[in-house]
Amino acid sequence: MTTQNGNKLTESKIWKETVGVLQKGWDNYLRLLATYFQRMSRNEQEALITKYSWIVSLGGVGLIWCQIYTFLHPVLRVIGFPLSMAVAYWFGLKIVSRIMIERMSKYLND
């Protein structure tokens, strides 16, 4: 896609200004998150990491279920879905969160 003067769209002034504004907004958002995370106590930081760990685990299992749900027998759906979600919750809570806390320990408050 090109502009009227023959330049690529991504080289146009409006494109560069728009991308610059969006990049600045994203950088400010990340700085805000970092500031709030640094102000939390160690327990609050670990609780936040734990919460996001099990949320991501549940989300991953949910995405897998979206791919295989229609291929499974209804009995397997009724039993398997809640069971797999419970296992994903436990896995995120007990395994993933501990790994993430260990990896992020140098960034956590004492």
Foldseek 3Di string as FASTA:
>chain_A
DPDPVGHRPCPDPVNVVVVVVVVVVVVVVVVVVLVVLQPDALVVNLVVLLVVQLVVLLVVVVVVCVVCVVVDDPVCNVPVPVVSNVVSNCCSNPPVSVVVCVVCVVVHDD
